[in-house]
Amino acid sequence: MSHKLISDKSVIYNAQTLESSYLVITCPQTTFINQSNNGPFGGGSNEHTVNINGAIFANYSSSTQQRVDGVNYTLTEPEWDTFYASQSFESSSSYDQVQEASLYYIQENIPVMFGLSSSNWIYSE
């Protein structure tokens, strides 16, 4: 499956050339980190974290796709667990559900970029 968020309108993503496109956010990496064994004294107060790394592309379906930006979030394990548990998933496999939850998290927390707010992004499989 190719999980992604798609902008609901075309936007100018390059101010110099005035190139425009619908934008797509993918989540190529969601990392679960256990820092409890790092260093001589363990990982400190936030031993388990979840890193969500999103990539924003223009012209995503063409051979000339361009990465135009990225969004990254670090959550504590309780923050991730609470968010994940609150989701209703379209997917059935655990891998797909992590991808889906990561994109939903990005959608809820993305700042206004390229004139797009969180309500301008549509989830798609």
N, C-alpha and C. Protein backbone atom coordinates (compact mmCIF):
# COMPACT_ATOMS: atom_id res chain seq x y z
N MET A 1 0.84 -1.19 0.00
CA MET A 1 0.00 0.00 0.00
C MET A 1 0.87 1.24 0.00
N SER A 2 0.36 2.25 -0.59
CA SER A 2 1.10 3.51 -0.66
C SER A 2 0.32 4.57 0.11
N HIS A 3 0.55 4.62 1.40
CA HIS A 3 -0.14 5.58 2.26
C HIS A 3 0.42 6.97 2.01
N LYS A 4 -0.48 7.96 1.96
CA LYS A 4 -0.02 9.33 1.72
C LYS A 4 -1.12 10.32 2.09
N LEU A 5 -0.72 11.56 2.24
CA LEU A 5 -1.64 12.69 2.36
C LEU A 5 -1.50 13.49 1.08
N ILE A 6 -2.62 13.91 0.51
CA ILE A 6 -2.62 14.67 -0.74
C ILE A 6 -3.28 16.01 -0.48
N SER A 7 -2.66 17.09 -0.97
CA SER A 7 -3.26 18.41 -0.80
C SER A 7 -4.54 18.49 -1.63
N ASP A 8 -5.51 19.23 -1.13
CA ASP A 8 -6.79 19.33 -1.85
C ASP A 8 -6.79 20.40 -2.93
N LYS A 9 -5.64 21.04 -3.12
CA LYS A 9 -5.52 22.03 -4.20
C LYS A 9 -4.06 22.14 -4.62
N SER A 10 -3.86 22.64 -5.81
CA SER A 10 -2.52 22.89 -6.33
C SER A 10 -2.00 24.19 -5.71
N VAL A 11 -0.72 24.19 -5.35
CA VAL A 11 -0.11 25.37 -4.74
C VAL A 11 1.22 25.68 -5.41
N ILE A 12 1.64 26.91 -5.30
CA ILE A 12 2.98 27.29 -5.78
C ILE A 12 3.98 26.82 -4.73
N TYR A 13 4.89 25.95 -5.14
CA TYR A 13 5.89 25.42 -4.21
C TYR A 13 7.28 25.99 -4.47
N ASN A 14 7.46 26.71 -5.57
CA ASN A 14 8.74 27.32 -5.88
C ASN A 14 8.49 28.78 -6.25
N ALA A 15 8.82 29.69 -5.34
CA ALA A 15 8.54 31.11 -5.55
C ALA A 15 9.37 31.71 -6.67
N GLN A 16 10.55 31.17 -6.92
CA GLN A 16 11.40 31.70 -7.99
C GLN A 16 10.84 31.40 -9.37
N THR A 17 10.42 30.17 -9.58
CA THR A 17 9.97 29.76 -10.91
C THR A 17 8.44 29.73 -11.02
N LEU A 18 7.75 29.96 -9.92
CA LEU A 18 6.29 29.91 -9.83
C LEU A 18 5.73 28.54 -10.23
N GLU A 19 6.53 27.48 -10.02
CA GLU A 19 6.04 26.13 -10.30
C GLU A 19 4.96 25.78 -9.28
N SER A 20 3.94 25.11 -9.76
CA SER A 20 2.85 24.71 -8.87
C SER A 20 2.52 23.24 -9.08
N SER A 21 1.90 22.66 -8.07
CA SER A 21 1.55 21.24 -8.11
C SER A 21 0.66 20.94 -6.92
N TYR A 22 -0.08 19.85 -7.00
CA TYR A 22 -0.65 19.26 -5.80
C TYR A 22 0.54 18.71 -5.02
N LEU A 23 0.49 18.74 -3.71
CA LEU A 23 1.57 18.21 -2.89
C LEU A 23 1.15 16.90 -2.25
N VAL A 24 2.14 16.07 -1.98
CA VAL A 24 1.92 14.77 -1.35
C VAL A 24 2.88 14.62 -0.19
N ILE A 25 2.36 14.14 0.94
CA ILE A 25 3.21 13.83 2.08
C ILE A 25 3.24 12.32 2.23
N THR A 26 4.44 11.77 2.29
CA THR A 26 4.61 10.35 2.60
C THR A 26 5.34 10.26 3.93
N CYS A 27 5.31 9.09 4.50
CA CYS A 27 6.00 8.88 5.77
C CYS A 27 6.97 7.72 5.60
N PRO A 28 8.15 8.02 5.05
CA PRO A 28 9.09 6.94 4.77
C PRO A 28 9.69 6.30 6.02
N GLN A 29 9.53 6.98 7.18
CA GLN A 29 10.17 6.41 8.37
C GLN A 29 9.42 6.78 9.64
N THR A 30 9.02 5.77 10.38
CA THR A 30 8.54 5.92 11.75
C THR A 30 9.42 5.00 12.58
N THR A 31 10.15 5.57 13.53
CA THR A 31 11.14 4.82 14.28
C THR A 31 10.75 4.76 15.75
N PHE A 32 10.77 3.56 16.30
CA PHE A 32 10.52 3.35 17.72
C PHE A 32 11.87 3.16 18.40
N ILE A 33 12.18 4.04 19.34
CA ILE A 33 13.52 4.07 19.93
C ILE A 33 13.46 3.69 21.41
N ASN A 34 14.27 2.72 21.78
CA ASN A 34 14.42 2.32 23.18
C ASN A 34 15.80 2.79 23.61
N GLN A 35 15.84 3.85 24.41
CA GLN A 35 17.11 4.42 24.83
C GLN A 35 17.53 3.95 26.21
N SER A 36 16.86 2.97 26.76
CA SER A 36 17.14 2.56 28.14
C SER A 36 18.54 1.98 28.32
N ASN A 37 19.16 1.53 27.24
CA ASN A 37 20.50 0.95 27.36
C ASN A 37 21.59 1.86 26.80
N ASN A 38 21.24 3.08 26.42
CA ASN A 38 22.25 3.99 25.87
C ASN A 38 23.08 4.60 26.99
N GLY A 39 24.38 4.54 26.87
CA GLY A 39 25.27 5.16 27.84
C GLY A 39 25.34 4.39 29.14
N PRO A 40 26.19 4.83 30.04
CA PRO A 40 26.40 4.10 31.29
C PRO A 40 25.23 4.21 32.27
N PHE A 41 24.36 5.22 32.10
CA PHE A 41 23.27 5.44 33.04
C PHE A 41 21.90 5.27 32.41
N GLY A 42 21.82 4.65 31.26
CA GLY A 42 20.53 4.46 30.61
C GLY A 42 20.16 5.67 29.78
N GLY A 43 18.89 5.77 29.43
CA GLY A 43 18.44 6.79 28.50
C GLY A 43 17.81 8.01 29.11
N GLY A 44 17.76 8.11 30.42
CA GLY A 44 17.18 9.30 31.03
C GLY A 44 15.69 9.17 31.22
N SER A 45 15.00 10.31 31.29
CA SER A 45 13.59 10.31 31.63
C SER A 45 12.69 9.89 30.47
N ASN A 46 13.09 10.10 29.23
CA ASN A 46 12.29 9.70 28.07
C ASN A 46 12.96 8.52 27.39
N GLU A 47 12.88 7.37 28.03
CA GLU A 47 13.61 6.21 27.52
C GLU A 47 13.05 5.68 26.21
N HIS A 48 11.74 5.83 25.98
CA HIS A 48 11.14 5.34 24.74
C HIS A 48 10.51 6.50 23.99
N THR A 49 10.90 6.65 22.74
CA THR A 49 10.32 7.71 21.92
C THR A 49 9.93 7.14 20.56
N VAL A 50 9.10 7.91 19.86
CA VAL A 50 8.70 7.55 18.50
C VAL A 50 9.02 8.76 17.62
N ASN A 51 9.80 8.53 16.57
CA ASN A 51 10.15 9.58 15.63
C ASN A 51 9.36 9.36 14.34
N ILE A 52 8.63 10.39 13.93
CA ILE A 52 7.86 10.35 12.69
C ILE A 52 8.52 11.31 11.72
N ASN A 53 8.95 10.80 10.57
CA ASN A 53 9.62 11.62 9.56
C ASN A 53 8.79 11.61 8.29
N GLY A 54 8.25 12.78 7.93
CA GLY A 54 7.43 12.90 6.73
C GLY A 54 8.17 13.68 5.66
N ALA A 55 7.93 13.33 4.42
CA ALA A 55 8.53 14.01 3.27
C ALA A 55 7.42 14.60 2.42
N ILE A 56 7.61 15.85 1.98
CA ILE A 56 6.62 16.54 1.16
C ILE A 56 7.16 16.62 -0.27
N PHE A 57 6.35 16.14 -1.21
CA PHE A 57 6.75 16.10 -2.62
C PHE A 57 5.81 16.91 -3.49
N ALA A 58 6.36 17.47 -4.56
CA ALA A 58 5.58 18.06 -5.65
C ALA A 58 5.70 17.12 -6.84
N ASN A 59 4.70 17.12 -7.71
CA ASN A 59 4.70 16.26 -8.91
C ASN A 59 4.96 14.81 -8.54
N TYR A 60 4.28 14.33 -7.49
CA TYR A 60 4.59 13.02 -6.90
C TYR A 60 4.44 11.86 -7.88
N SER A 61 3.44 11.88 -8.72
CA SER A 61 3.20 10.73 -9.60
C SER A 61 3.97 10.78 -10.91
N SER A 62 4.74 11.83 -11.12
CA SER A 62 5.48 11.93 -12.38
C SER A 62 6.93 11.51 -12.18
N SER A 63 7.64 11.38 -13.28
CA SER A 63 9.05 11.01 -13.20
C SER A 63 9.91 12.18 -12.72
N THR A 64 9.32 13.36 -12.62
CA THR A 64 10.07 14.55 -12.18
C THR A 64 9.70 14.96 -10.76
N GLN A 65 9.23 14.00 -9.94
CA GLN A 65 8.83 14.37 -8.58
C GLN A 65 9.99 15.04 -7.85
N GLN A 66 9.64 16.02 -7.01
CA GLN A 66 10.63 16.77 -6.27
C GLN A 66 10.27 16.79 -4.79
N ARG A 67 11.26 16.52 -3.95
CA ARG A 67 11.03 16.71 -2.52
C ARG A 67 11.18 18.19 -2.25
N VAL A 68 10.14 18.79 -1.64
CA VAL A 68 10.17 20.23 -1.42
C VAL A 68 10.30 20.61 0.05
N ASP A 69 10.04 19.67 0.95
CA ASP A 69 10.16 19.97 2.38
C ASP A 69 9.99 18.68 3.17
N GLY A 70 10.06 18.80 4.48
CA GLY A 70 9.85 17.66 5.35
C GLY A 70 9.24 18.10 6.66
N VAL A 71 8.63 17.17 7.36
CA VAL A 71 8.08 17.42 8.70
C VAL A 71 8.51 16.28 9.60
N ASN A 72 9.00 16.61 10.79
CA ASN A 72 9.49 15.61 11.72
C ASN A 72 8.92 15.86 13.10
N TYR A 73 8.53 14.78 13.76
CA TYR A 73 7.96 14.88 15.10
C TYR A 73 8.58 13.80 15.98
N THR A 74 8.80 14.13 17.24
CA THR A 74 9.26 13.17 18.24
C THR A 74 8.22 13.13 19.35
N LEU A 75 7.71 11.95 19.62
CA LEU A 75 6.69 11.76 20.64
C LEU A 75 7.24 10.84 21.73
N THR A 76 6.77 11.04 22.94
CA THR A 76 7.08 10.08 23.99
C THR A 76 6.24 8.84 23.75
N GLU A 77 6.61 7.75 24.38
CA GLU A 77 5.84 6.52 24.22
C GLU A 77 4.38 6.71 24.67
N PRO A 78 4.10 7.36 25.81
CA PRO A 78 2.70 7.56 26.19
C PRO A 78 1.92 8.44 25.20
N GLU A 79 2.59 9.47 24.63
CA GLU A 79 1.92 10.31 23.62
C GLU A 79 1.53 9.47 22.41
N TRP A 80 2.46 8.65 21.91
CA TRP A 80 2.18 7.79 20.76
C TRP A 80 1.08 6.80 21.08
N ASP A 81 1.18 6.14 22.24
CA ASP A 81 0.19 5.13 22.61
C ASP A 81 -1.22 5.73 22.67
N THR A 82 -1.34 6.92 23.24
CA THR A 82 -2.64 7.58 23.35
C THR A 82 -3.18 7.94 21.97
N PHE A 83 -2.32 8.52 21.13
CA PHE A 83 -2.75 8.90 19.78
C PHE A 83 -3.13 7.66 18.97
N TYR A 84 -2.29 6.65 19.00
CA TYR A 84 -2.52 5.43 18.23
C TYR A 84 -3.83 4.76 18.64
N ALA A 85 -4.07 4.69 19.94
CA ALA A 85 -5.28 4.04 20.45
C ALA A 85 -6.55 4.79 20.07
N SER A 86 -6.42 6.08 19.77
CA SER A 86 -7.60 6.89 19.45
C SER A 86 -8.00 6.82 17.97
N GLN A 87 -7.23 6.09 17.16
CA GLN A 87 -7.46 6.06 15.71
C GLN A 87 -8.40 4.93 15.30
N SER A 88 -9.14 5.16 14.23
CA SER A 88 -9.92 4.13 13.55
C SER A 88 -9.21 3.88 12.23
N PHE A 89 -8.71 2.68 12.04
CA PHE A 89 -7.86 2.39 10.89
C PHE A 89 -8.64 1.81 9.72
N GLU A 90 -8.19 2.17 8.51
CA GLU A 90 -8.70 1.56 7.29
C GLU A 90 -7.94 0.27 6.99
N SER A 91 -6.71 0.19 7.47
CA SER A 91 -5.82 -0.95 7.19
C SER A 91 -5.98 -2.02 8.27
N SER A 92 -5.59 -3.24 7.90
CA SER A 92 -5.68 -4.34 8.87
C SER A 92 -4.32 -4.78 9.41
N SER A 93 -3.24 -4.61 8.66
CA SER A 93 -1.93 -5.06 9.13
C SER A 93 -1.32 -4.02 10.07
N SER A 94 -0.51 -4.49 11.01
CA SER A 94 0.09 -3.57 11.99
C SER A 94 1.04 -2.58 11.31
N TYR A 95 1.78 -3.03 10.29
CA TYR A 95 2.67 -2.11 9.56
C TYR A 95 1.86 -0.98 8.92
N ASP A 96 0.79 -1.33 8.23
CA ASP A 96 -0.03 -0.32 7.57
C ASP A 96 -0.69 0.60 8.59
N GLN A 97 -1.06 0.08 9.74
CA GLN A 97 -1.67 0.91 10.77
C GLN A 97 -0.68 1.92 11.33
N VAL A 98 0.59 1.54 11.46
CA VAL A 98 1.62 2.49 11.90
C VAL A 98 1.80 3.59 10.86
N GLN A 99 1.82 3.21 9.58
CA GLN A 99 1.92 4.21 8.51
C GLN A 99 0.73 5.15 8.54
N GLU A 100 -0.44 4.59 8.68
CA GLU A 100 -1.66 5.38 8.71
C GLU A 100 -1.67 6.33 9.91
N ALA A 101 -1.35 5.81 11.09
CA ALA A 101 -1.33 6.64 12.30
C ALA A 101 -0.29 7.76 12.18
N SER A 102 0.85 7.45 11.61
CA SER A 102 1.91 8.46 11.44
C SER A 102 1.41 9.60 10.55
N LEU A 103 0.75 9.26 9.46
CA LEU A 103 0.22 10.30 8.57
C LEU A 103 -0.91 11.08 9.22
N TYR A 104 -1.77 10.41 9.98
CA TYR A 104 -2.82 11.13 10.71
C TYR A 104 -2.21 12.10 11.73
N TYR A 105 -1.11 11.67 12.37
CA TYR A 105 -0.44 12.56 13.32
C TYR A 105 0.12 13.79 12.59
N ILE A 106 0.77 13.55 11.46
CA ILE A 106 1.29 14.66 10.67
C ILE A 106 0.14 15.59 10.28
N GLN A 107 -0.96 15.02 9.80
CA GLN A 107 -2.10 15.82 9.35
C GLN A 107 -2.64 16.70 10.49
N GLU A 108 -2.73 16.16 11.68
CA GLU A 108 -3.26 16.92 12.81
C GLU A 108 -2.31 18.00 13.32
N ASN A 109 -1.01 17.82 13.09
CA ASN A 109 -0.02 18.70 13.71
C ASN A 109 0.79 19.55 12.73
N ILE A 110 0.56 19.39 11.45
CA ILE A 110 1.38 20.12 10.48
C ILE A 110 1.09 21.63 10.57
N PRO A 111 2.14 22.44 10.58
CA PRO A 111 1.91 23.88 10.55
C PRO A 111 1.43 24.32 9.17
N VAL A 112 0.92 25.51 9.05
CA VAL A 112 0.53 26.03 7.74
C VAL A 112 1.80 26.13 6.89
N MET A 113 1.77 25.45 5.75
CA MET A 113 2.89 25.46 4.81
C MET A 113 2.32 25.57 3.40
N PHE A 114 2.94 26.38 2.57
CA PHE A 114 2.50 26.57 1.19
C PHE A 114 1.04 27.03 1.13
N GLY A 115 0.59 27.71 2.17
CA GLY A 115 -0.80 28.16 2.22
C GLY A 115 -1.79 27.05 2.56
N LEU A 116 -1.29 25.89 2.97
CA LEU A 116 -2.15 24.75 3.30
C LEU A 116 -2.16 24.53 4.80
N SER A 117 -3.35 24.38 5.36
CA SER A 117 -3.46 24.04 6.78
C SER A 117 -3.80 22.56 6.90
N SER A 118 -3.94 22.08 8.11
CA SER A 118 -4.19 20.64 8.31
C SER A 118 -5.47 20.17 7.62
N SER A 119 -6.45 21.05 7.48
CA SER A 119 -7.71 20.65 6.84
C SER A 119 -7.59 20.52 5.32
N ASN A 120 -6.48 20.94 4.73
CA ASN A 120 -6.28 20.84 3.29
C ASN A 120 -5.62 19.54 2.85
N TRP A 121 -5.40 18.63 3.79
CA TRP A 121 -4.73 17.37 3.46
C TRP A 121 -5.72 16.22 3.55
N ILE A 122 -5.70 15.34 2.55
CA ILE A 122 -6.62 14.21 2.47
C ILE A 122 -5.83 12.91 2.51
N TYR A 123 -6.20 12.02 3.42
CA TYR A 123 -5.53 10.72 3.53
C TYR A 123 -5.93 9.83 2.35
N SER A 124 -4.95 9.10 1.81
CA SER A 124 -5.21 8.16 0.72
C SER A 124 -4.30 6.94 0.87
N GLU A 125 -4.85 5.77 0.52
CA GLU A 125 -4.02 4.55 0.51
C GLU A 125 -3.44 4.34 -0.85
